[in-house]
Amino acid sequence: MVGVSLKCGDCGALLRSVQEAQEHAELTSHSNFSESTEAVLNLVCATCGKPCRSKTETDLHRKRTGHTDFVDKTSEAAKPISLEVPKATADSEEAIDVDMSGSQPEEMVEPEVDKELLKELEAMGFPVARATRALHYSGNANVEAAVNWVVEHENDPDIDEMPMVPVSGGGGASKSSLTPEEIKLKAQELRERARKKKEEEEKRMEREREKVERIRIGKELLEAKRIEEENERKRILALRKAEKEEEKRAREKIRQKLEEDKAERRRRLGLPPEDPAATKSSAPVVEEKKSMLPIRPATKVEQMRECLRSLKQNHKDDDAKVKRAFQTLLTYIGNVAKNPNEEKFRKIRLSNQTFQDRVGALKGGLEFLELCGFEKIEGGEFLFLPREKVDMVVLNSAGSELTSAINNPFFGVL
């Protein structure tokens, strides 16, 4: 079968003629060409007539213009190819010389275009020169073809220059095959496309703004979480420091008590008292420490600690009763923290004998529950913690204070 194209053995490109093969060789330095029975693709756009030689070109044309219909004219354009380079004959050279010597410069004029289509393009915002050039080179077909031509050639340096044609070749402007109503519909369709494109761009920008806003909110939440963790760490350190100071004061109190007992025993035995210089040196320290104690608790956690300390001091003669009260309060608080949606754990009957024996009859027990959020309802018959007032931070702090009071043997000694 006779070859219909030249195929580059180096890159596989199909070429229509020897001239194209020579140009390809100059650009790529490829030199391995052979005849091929595979025809070069010739896909012609059904809308504007633009020929495309590959699927890549058709895809690019489709994206730029929106045209989707292509006619395959590969078989029509396929012709046997010769490997000989065509040579210009003497007769043709003479004819060219005669034509060049005898030709006279013709007068150039503006091409005639469809006035209605020109007005329609001007109404859409195109300059007169650009609209005239688009109508002339698109064949005065319709508004859509002219707009597509503008889109394809918007980067041409002379797009806003008025085209000029010879007088003899000017001819009459081909009239549009569309009626005025169809032209208006086409223009409206183009405006609708532009509007949709603008809306899509706005939606894209809105999504970008939402993305940036989500990132900003996420950073703010992380920063707030970091600050909250830092404050919690400081609170825990402050609690530990307060516990150590309280333990230190309790030991000092016990030491003074031992000194007093020792002095009392020496007095009973008739022994002379010890030099009071040692006891005097320690007294200012105790007074100084006492002066540092707050008169009124500044925070809810300190109020809870003061409430528990008061409860223990009021019943210091019955450690078992105090410890049972602390454990009962810890059970109430723990049940609410574990089951905040269960009302039975958030409601306590004040007249319940077990509650009265363990907590209610001890001064400071009810006050501690009220600091945790419990309120008296129904004429003081119940203690109730509303669901919306359940504060896990407060409950956790209360649990920590109760655990410390139970495990610290020096708690509430002062």
Protein backbone atom coordinates (compact mmCIF):
# COMPACT_ATOMS: atom_id res chain seq x y z
CA MET A 1 0.00 0.00 0.00
CA VAL A 2 1.25 3.48 -0.89
CA GLY A 3 2.34 5.61 2.10
CA VAL A 4 0.15 8.56 2.98
CA SER A 5 2.43 10.15 5.58
CA LEU A 6 5.99 10.33 6.86
CA LYS A 7 6.65 8.94 10.33
CA CYS A 8 9.54 10.13 12.50
CA GLY A 9 11.36 7.06 13.81
CA ASP A 10 12.71 9.00 16.78
CA CYS A 11 9.49 10.46 18.27
CA GLY A 12 6.69 8.82 16.23
CA ALA A 13 5.22 12.06 14.85
CA LEU A 14 3.20 11.81 11.61
CA LEU A 15 3.91 14.42 8.91
CA ARG A 16 1.97 15.18 5.72
CA SER A 17 4.81 16.16 3.38
CA VAL A 18 8.57 16.24 2.86
CA GLN A 19 8.56 19.96 3.68
CA GLU A 20 6.98 19.27 7.10
CA ALA A 21 9.57 16.53 7.67
CA GLN A 22 12.37 18.98 6.88
CA GLU A 23 10.93 21.55 9.30
CA HIS A 24 10.56 18.85 11.95
CA ALA A 25 14.19 17.80 11.46
CA GLU A 26 15.39 21.39 11.82
CA LEU A 27 13.48 21.83 15.07
CA THR A 28 14.27 18.48 16.69
CA SER A 29 17.46 17.26 14.91
CA HIS A 30 15.61 14.00 14.12
CA SER A 31 16.66 12.36 10.83
CA ASN A 32 15.05 8.93 10.83
CA PHE A 33 11.92 9.24 8.61
CA SER A 34 9.99 6.54 6.76
CA GLU A 35 6.79 6.17 4.77
CA SER A 36 3.70 5.18 6.75
CA THR A 37 0.26 3.97 5.76
CA GLU A 38 -1.19 5.66 8.84
CA ALA A 39 -2.94 8.88 7.80
CA VAL A 40 -2.46 12.16 9.68
CA LEU A 41 -5.59 13.03 11.67
CA ASN A 42 -7.71 15.80 10.22
CA LEU A 43 -10.49 16.67 12.71
CA VAL A 44 -12.41 19.77 11.62
CA CYS A 45 -14.50 21.79 14.10
CA ALA A 46 -18.11 21.74 12.92
CA THR A 47 -18.76 25.18 14.39
CA CYS A 48 -15.86 27.34 13.21
CA GLY A 49 -14.04 25.06 10.71
CA LYS A 50 -10.70 24.99 12.54
CA PRO A 51 -8.66 21.88 11.59
CA CYS A 52 -6.98 19.88 14.37
CA ARG A 53 -4.29 17.23 13.80
CA SER A 54 -4.45 15.46 17.16
CA LYS A 55 -6.67 14.75 20.15
CA THR A 56 -4.59 17.19 22.14
CA GLU A 57 -5.42 20.02 19.73
CA THR A 58 -9.14 19.16 19.82
CA ASP A 59 -9.14 19.14 23.63
CA LEU A 60 -7.36 22.52 23.72
CA HIS A 61 -9.77 23.96 21.15
CA ARG A 62 -12.76 22.61 23.10
CA LYS A 63 -11.56 24.22 26.34
CA ARG A 64 -10.89 27.59 24.71
CA THR A 65 -14.07 27.87 22.61
CA GLY A 66 -16.60 25.46 24.06
CA HIS A 67 -17.04 23.74 20.67
CA THR A 68 -17.61 20.02 21.07
CA ASP A 69 -18.48 18.72 17.58
CA PHE A 70 -15.63 17.69 15.25
CA VAL A 71 -15.86 16.04 11.82
CA ASP A 72 -13.24 13.40 10.95
CA LYS A 73 -11.94 14.20 7.44
CA THR A 74 -8.79 12.13 7.72
CA SER A 75 -9.68 9.87 4.79
CA GLU A 76 -10.51 12.84 2.57
CA ALA A 77 -7.21 14.60 3.25
CA ALA A 78 -5.07 11.44 2.97
CA LYS A 79 -3.02 11.46 -0.29
CA PRO A 80 -0.07 9.36 -1.46
CA ILE A 81 3.19 10.96 -0.43
CA SER A 82 6.44 11.18 -2.40
CA LEU A 83 9.88 11.28 -0.83
CA GLU A 84 11.18 13.60 -3.56
CA VAL A 85 11.43 17.29 -2.79
CA PRO A 86 9.33 19.24 -5.34
CA LYS A 87 11.40 21.56 -7.53
CA ALA A 88 10.18 24.81 -8.97
CA THR A 89 10.15 24.73 -12.79
CA ALA A 90 11.52 27.47 -14.97
CA ASP A 91 8.06 28.20 -16.33
CA SER A 92 6.67 28.71 -12.86
CA GLU A 93 9.62 30.92 -11.92
CA GLU A 94 9.10 33.01 -15.02
CA ALA A 95 5.40 33.26 -14.25
CA ILE A 96 6.19 34.41 -10.76
CA ASP A 97 8.67 36.99 -12.06
CA VAL A 98 6.14 38.28 -14.54
CA ASP A 99 3.44 38.44 -11.92
CA MET A 100 5.72 40.27 -9.46
CA SER A 101 7.01 42.69 -12.06
CA GLY A 102 3.62 43.42 -13.49
CA SER A 103 1.64 43.65 -10.25
CA GLN A 104 0.56 47.07 -9.09
CA PRO A 105 -0.24 47.97 -5.46
CA GLU A 106 -3.98 47.88 -4.89
CA GLU A 107 -5.99 50.30 -2.79
CA MET A 108 -6.78 48.96 0.70
CA VAL A 109 -10.12 49.65 2.40
CA GLU A 110 -11.96 48.52 5.51
CA PRO A 111 -13.87 45.29 4.97
CA GLU A 112 -17.64 45.37 4.81
CA VAL A 113 -19.29 43.53 7.70
CA ASP A 114 -22.84 42.95 8.84
CA LYS A 115 -23.97 46.17 10.52
CA GLU A 116 -26.49 44.45 12.78
CA LEU A 117 -23.88 42.00 14.07
CA LEU A 118 -21.43 44.89 14.52
CA LYS A 119 -23.95 46.82 16.65
CA GLU A 120 -24.63 43.69 18.69
CA LEU A 121 -20.92 43.22 19.42
CA GLU A 122 -20.52 46.91 20.31
CA ALA A 123 -23.44 46.59 22.71
CA MET A 124 -21.59 43.71 24.36
CA GLY A 125 -18.61 46.01 25.01
CA PHE A 126 -16.21 45.14 22.17
CA PRO A 127 -14.30 48.01 20.47
CA VAL A 128 -15.27 48.80 16.84
CA ALA A 129 -11.92 47.65 15.39
CA ARG A 130 -11.92 44.37 17.34
CA ALA A 131 -15.56 43.67 16.45
CA THR A 132 -14.94 44.43 12.75
CA ARG A 133 -11.86 42.19 12.67
CA ALA A 134 -13.74 39.36 14.39
CA LEU A 135 -16.71 39.55 11.99
CA HIS A 136 -14.45 39.74 8.94
CA TYR A 137 -12.27 36.76 9.84
CA SER A 138 -15.19 34.66 11.11
CA GLY A 139 -17.01 35.13 7.83
CA ASN A 140 -19.83 37.34 9.18
CA ALA A 141 -21.46 34.12 10.30
CA ASN A 142 -22.98 35.09 13.65
CA VAL A 143 -22.25 36.72 16.97
CA GLU A 144 -21.09 33.50 18.63
CA ALA A 145 -18.51 32.77 15.90
CA ALA A 146 -17.18 36.33 16.20
CA VAL A 147 -16.89 36.05 20.00
CA ASN A 148 -15.13 32.69 19.65
CA TRP A 149 -12.65 34.26 17.22
CA VAL A 150 -11.96 37.04 19.73
CA VAL A 151 -11.36 34.50 22.48
CA GLU A 152 -8.92 32.52 20.32
CA HIS A 153 -7.01 35.64 19.15
CA GLU A 154 -7.24 37.87 22.24
CA ASN A 155 -3.45 37.80 22.59
CA ASP A 156 -2.75 38.90 19.00
CA PRO A 157 -0.80 42.19 18.95
CA ASP A 158 -2.98 43.68 16.17
CA ILE A 159 -6.36 42.58 17.52
CA ASP A 160 -7.48 46.17 18.09
CA GLU A 161 -6.27 47.41 14.68
CA MET A 162 -8.82 47.93 11.89
CA PRO A 163 -8.31 45.24 9.20
CA MET A 164 -7.69 46.40 5.62
CA VAL A 165 -8.52 44.46 2.41
CA PRO A 166 -7.96 45.20 -1.29
CA VAL A 167 -10.78 46.95 -3.12
CA SER A 168 -11.04 44.11 -5.66
CA GLY A 169 -11.25 41.48 -2.96
CA GLY A 170 -13.56 43.36 -0.66
CA GLY A 171 -16.79 42.04 -2.14
CA GLY A 172 -20.03 42.29 -0.35
CA ALA A 173 -20.29 41.34 3.25
CA SER A 174 -21.91 37.98 3.71
CA LYS A 175 -25.14 38.39 5.53
CA SER A 176 -25.88 36.53 8.72
CA SER A 177 -28.04 33.46 8.34
CA LEU A 178 -29.72 34.29 11.68
CA THR A 179 -32.82 36.36 12.18
CA PRO A 180 -32.74 39.34 14.58
CA GLU A 181 -34.60 37.27 17.16
CA GLU A 182 -32.01 34.50 16.90
CA ILE A 183 -29.21 37.04 17.20
CA LYS A 184 -30.76 38.41 20.39
CA LEU A 185 -31.11 34.89 21.74
CA LYS A 186 -27.45 34.18 20.95
CA ALA A 187 -26.35 37.38 22.64
CA GLN A 188 -28.50 36.55 25.66
CA GLU A 189 -26.93 33.09 25.75
CA LEU A 190 -23.45 34.60 25.72
CA ARG A 191 -24.36 36.96 28.54
CA GLU A 192 -25.78 34.03 30.49
CA ARG A 193 -22.53 32.12 30.02
CA ALA A 194 -20.53 35.11 31.24
CA ARG A 195 -22.85 35.44 34.26
CA LYS A 196 -22.49 31.75 35.14
CA LYS A 197 -18.73 31.97 34.78
CA LYS A 198 -18.69 34.97 37.10
CA GLU A 199 -20.89 33.14 39.64
CA GLU A 200 -18.59 30.11 39.54
CA GLU A 201 -15.59 32.38 40.14
CA GLU A 202 -17.38 34.04 43.06
CA LYS A 203 -18.24 30.63 44.52
CA ARG A 204 -14.62 29.56 44.17
CA MET A 205 -13.45 32.73 45.93
CA GLU A 206 -16.05 32.16 48.66
CA ARG A 207 -14.73 28.63 49.19
CA GLU A 208 -11.21 30.00 49.44
CA ARG A 209 -12.35 32.57 52.01
CA GLU A 210 -14.15 29.86 54.00
CA LYS A 211 -11.01 27.73 53.91
CA VAL A 212 -8.90 30.61 55.21
CA GLU A 213 -11.51 31.33 57.89
CA ARG A 214 -11.55 27.68 59.01
CA ILE A 215 -7.76 27.71 59.27
CA ARG A 216 -7.91 30.92 61.32
CA ILE A 217 -10.59 29.54 63.66
CA GLY A 218 -8.60 26.31 64.05
CA LYS A 219 -5.51 28.28 65.06
CA GLU A 220 -7.55 30.32 67.54
CA LEU A 221 -9.03 27.16 69.07
CA LEU A 222 -5.58 25.62 69.42
CA GLU A 223 -4.30 28.78 71.06
CA ALA A 224 -7.30 28.88 73.43
CA LYS A 225 -6.73 25.22 74.31
CA ARG A 226 -3.06 25.91 74.98
CA ILE A 227 -3.92 28.85 77.26
CA GLU A 228 -6.50 26.74 79.10
CA GLU A 229 -3.98 23.93 79.64
CA GLU A 230 -1.42 26.45 80.86
CA ASN A 231 -3.91 27.92 83.33
CA GLU A 232 -4.84 24.43 84.53
CA ARG A 233 -1.17 23.62 85.05
CA LYS A 234 -0.69 26.82 87.06
CA ARG A 235 -3.79 26.03 89.12
CA ILE A 236 -2.47 22.56 89.96
CA LEU A 237 0.91 24.00 90.93
CA ALA A 238 -0.82 26.56 93.16
CA LEU A 239 -2.87 23.81 94.83
CA ARG A 240 0.24 21.73 95.49
CA LYS A 241 2.03 24.74 96.88
CA ALA A 242 -0.93 25.51 99.18
CA GLU A 243 -0.99 21.89 100.38
CA LYS A 244 2.73 22.00 101.19
CA GLU A 245 2.35 25.25 103.10
CA GLU A 246 -0.61 23.85 105.02
CA GLU A 247 1.35 20.71 105.86
CA LYS A 248 4.26 22.86 107.00
CA ARG A 249 1.99 24.94 109.26
CA ALA A 250 0.45 21.79 110.69
CA ARG A 251 3.86 20.38 111.56
CA GLU A 252 4.85 23.64 113.17
CA LYS A 253 1.65 23.57 115.21
CA ILE A 254 2.35 20.01 116.31
CA ARG A 255 5.91 20.96 117.27
CA GLN A 256 4.65 23.83 119.41
CA LYS A 257 2.12 21.51 121.04
CA LEU A 258 4.89 19.06 121.88
CA GLU A 259 6.99 21.87 123.35
CA GLU A 260 4.07 22.97 125.51
CA ASP A 261 3.45 19.40 126.70
CA LYS A 262 7.15 19.02 127.51
CA ALA A 263 7.19 22.25 129.50
CA GLU A 264 4.05 21.13 131.39
CA ARG A 265 5.66 17.82 132.31
CA ARG A 266 8.81 19.60 133.58
CA ARG A 267 6.63 21.89 135.69
CA ARG A 268 4.79 18.95 137.24
CA LEU A 269 8.07 17.19 137.99
CA GLY A 270 9.40 20.35 139.64
CA LEU A 271 12.15 20.83 137.11
CA PRO A 272 13.26 24.29 136.07
CA PRO A 273 11.84 25.48 132.76
CA GLU A 274 14.01 25.42 129.67
CA ASP A 275 15.47 28.54 128.16
CA PRO A 276 12.51 30.13 126.33
CA ALA A 277 14.82 31.70 123.69
CA ALA A 278 14.25 28.73 121.37
CA THR A 279 10.45 28.98 121.58
CA LYS A 280 10.54 32.75 121.16
CA SER A 281 12.58 32.45 117.99
CA SER A 282 9.94 30.21 116.44
CA ALA A 283 6.95 32.34 117.51
CA PRO A 284 7.44 35.18 115.01
CA VAL A 285 7.63 32.63 112.23
CA VAL A 286 4.23 31.22 113.18
CA GLU A 287 2.75 34.68 113.48
CA GLU A 288 4.15 35.63 110.10
CA LYS A 289 2.67 32.52 108.53
CA LYS A 290 -0.68 33.21 110.14
CA SER A 291 -0.66 36.72 108.80
CA MET A 292 -0.31 35.30 105.29
CA LEU A 293 -3.55 33.28 105.57
CA PRO A 294 -6.42 34.85 103.61
CA ILE A 295 -9.28 36.22 105.63
CA ARG A 296 -11.80 35.41 102.90
CA PRO A 297 -11.19 32.83 100.15
CA ALA A 298 -10.68 34.54 96.81
CA THR A 299 -11.66 31.62 94.54
CA LYS A 300 -14.24 28.87 94.61
CA VAL A 301 -11.52 26.25 95.10
CA GLU A 302 -10.25 28.09 98.17
CA GLN A 303 -13.82 28.41 99.43
CA MET A 304 -14.23 24.62 99.09
CA ARG A 305 -10.96 24.02 100.95
CA GLU A 306 -11.97 26.44 103.70
CA CYS A 307 -15.38 24.76 103.95
CA LEU A 308 -13.79 21.31 104.38
CA ARG A 309 -11.24 22.68 106.88
CA SER A 310 -14.05 24.24 108.90
CA LEU A 311 -15.98 20.94 108.88
CA LYS A 312 -12.96 19.05 110.23
CA GLN A 313 -12.15 21.62 112.90
CA ASN A 314 -15.77 21.68 114.13
CA HIS A 315 -15.65 17.88 114.61
CA LYS A 316 -11.98 17.30 115.32
CA ASP A 317 -12.83 14.98 118.17
CA ASP A 318 -14.47 12.46 115.81
CA ASP A 319 -12.10 11.74 112.92
CA ALA A 320 -14.15 8.77 111.72
CA LYS A 321 -17.26 10.93 111.35
CA VAL A 322 -15.33 13.59 109.43
CA LYS A 323 -13.75 11.03 107.11
CA ARG A 324 -17.15 9.44 106.46
CA ALA A 325 -18.58 12.86 105.59
CA PHE A 326 -15.72 13.52 103.15
CA GLN A 327 -16.19 10.11 101.51
CA THR A 328 -19.96 10.66 101.20
CA LEU A 329 -19.43 14.06 99.57
CA LEU A 330 -16.88 12.50 97.20
CA THR A 331 -19.43 9.83 96.24
CA TYR A 332 -22.09 12.49 95.47
CA ILE A 333 -19.67 14.53 93.36
CA GLY A 334 -18.28 11.47 91.56
CA ASN A 335 -21.77 10.18 90.63
CA VAL A 336 -22.71 13.52 89.09
CA ALA A 337 -19.40 13.79 87.19
CA LYS A 338 -19.79 10.27 85.77
CA ASN A 339 -23.52 10.55 85.00
CA PRO A 340 -24.37 14.23 84.46
CA ASN A 341 -27.61 13.39 82.61
CA GLU A 342 -29.03 11.21 85.41
CA GLU A 343 -31.36 13.34 87.56
CA LYS A 344 -31.30 10.85 90.46
CA PHE A 345 -27.64 11.68 91.07
CA ARG A 346 -28.32 15.43 90.92
CA LYS A 347 -31.20 15.45 93.46
CA ILE A 348 -30.78 14.88 97.23
CA ARG A 349 -33.63 14.74 99.77
CA LEU A 350 -32.57 16.79 102.78
CA SER A 351 -34.84 14.88 105.15
CA ASN A 352 -33.13 11.59 104.33
CA GLN A 353 -31.81 10.22 107.63
CA THR A 354 -28.65 8.73 106.10
CA PHE A 355 -27.81 12.05 104.44
CA GLN A 356 -28.42 13.91 107.71
CA ASP A 357 -26.22 11.52 109.71
CA ARG A 358 -23.35 11.64 107.23
CA VAL A 359 -23.40 15.21 105.82
CA GLY A 360 -26.46 17.30 106.66
CA ALA A 361 -25.89 17.46 110.40
CA LEU A 362 -22.26 18.54 110.00
CA LYS A 363 -21.59 22.23 109.63
CA GLY A 364 -20.00 22.85 106.27
CA GLY A 365 -21.46 19.84 104.39
CA LEU A 366 -24.41 21.69 102.78
CA GLU A 367 -22.21 24.69 102.05
CA PHE A 368 -19.76 22.49 100.16
CA LEU A 369 -22.54 21.04 97.97
CA GLU A 370 -23.87 24.53 97.26
CA LEU A 371 -20.39 25.59 96.13
CA CYS A 372 -20.54 22.69 93.66
CA GLY A 373 -23.74 24.12 92.16
CA PHE A 374 -26.53 22.44 94.20
CA GLU A 375 -29.57 24.59 95.01
CA LYS A 376 -32.44 24.20 97.47
CA ILE A 377 -35.83 23.64 95.79
CA GLU A 378 -39.43 22.87 96.76
CA GLY A 379 -39.27 24.87 99.95
CA GLY A 380 -35.91 23.52 101.02
CA GLU A 381 -36.94 19.88 100.81
CA PHE A 382 -34.36 18.93 98.16
CA LEU A 383 -30.90 19.88 97.01
CA PHE A 384 -30.87 19.93 93.20
CA LEU A 385 -28.13 20.54 90.60
CA PRO A 386 -29.66 21.68 87.25
CA ARG A 387 -28.20 19.99 84.18
CA GLU A 388 -27.23 23.29 82.56
CA LYS A 389 -25.26 24.26 85.69
CA VAL A 390 -23.15 21.10 85.78
CA ASP A 391 -19.58 22.38 85.53
CA MET A 392 -17.06 19.58 85.09
CA VAL A 393 -14.17 21.86 86.04
CA VAL A 394 -15.83 22.71 89.38
CA LEU A 395 -16.70 19.06 90.02
CA ASN A 396 -13.13 17.93 89.26
CA SER A 397 -11.75 20.62 91.57
CA ALA A 398 -14.15 19.52 94.32
CA GLY A 399 -13.07 15.90 93.86
CA SER A 400 -9.40 16.91 94.11
CA GLU A 401 -10.03 18.87 97.33
CA LEU A 402 -11.96 15.99 98.91
CA THR A 403 -9.27 13.45 97.94
CA SER A 404 -6.58 15.70 99.43
CA ALA A 405 -8.59 16.16 102.64
CA ILE A 406 -9.05 12.39 103.01
CA ASN A 407 -5.42 11.41 102.30
CA ASN A 408 -3.60 14.32 104.00
CA PRO A 409 -3.28 13.55 107.75
CA PHE A 410 -2.43 17.18 108.52
CA PHE A 411 -5.46 18.64 106.70
CA GLY A 412 -7.42 21.06 108.91
CA VAL A 413 -5.10 20.78 111.90
CA LEU A 414 -4.67 24.57 112.11
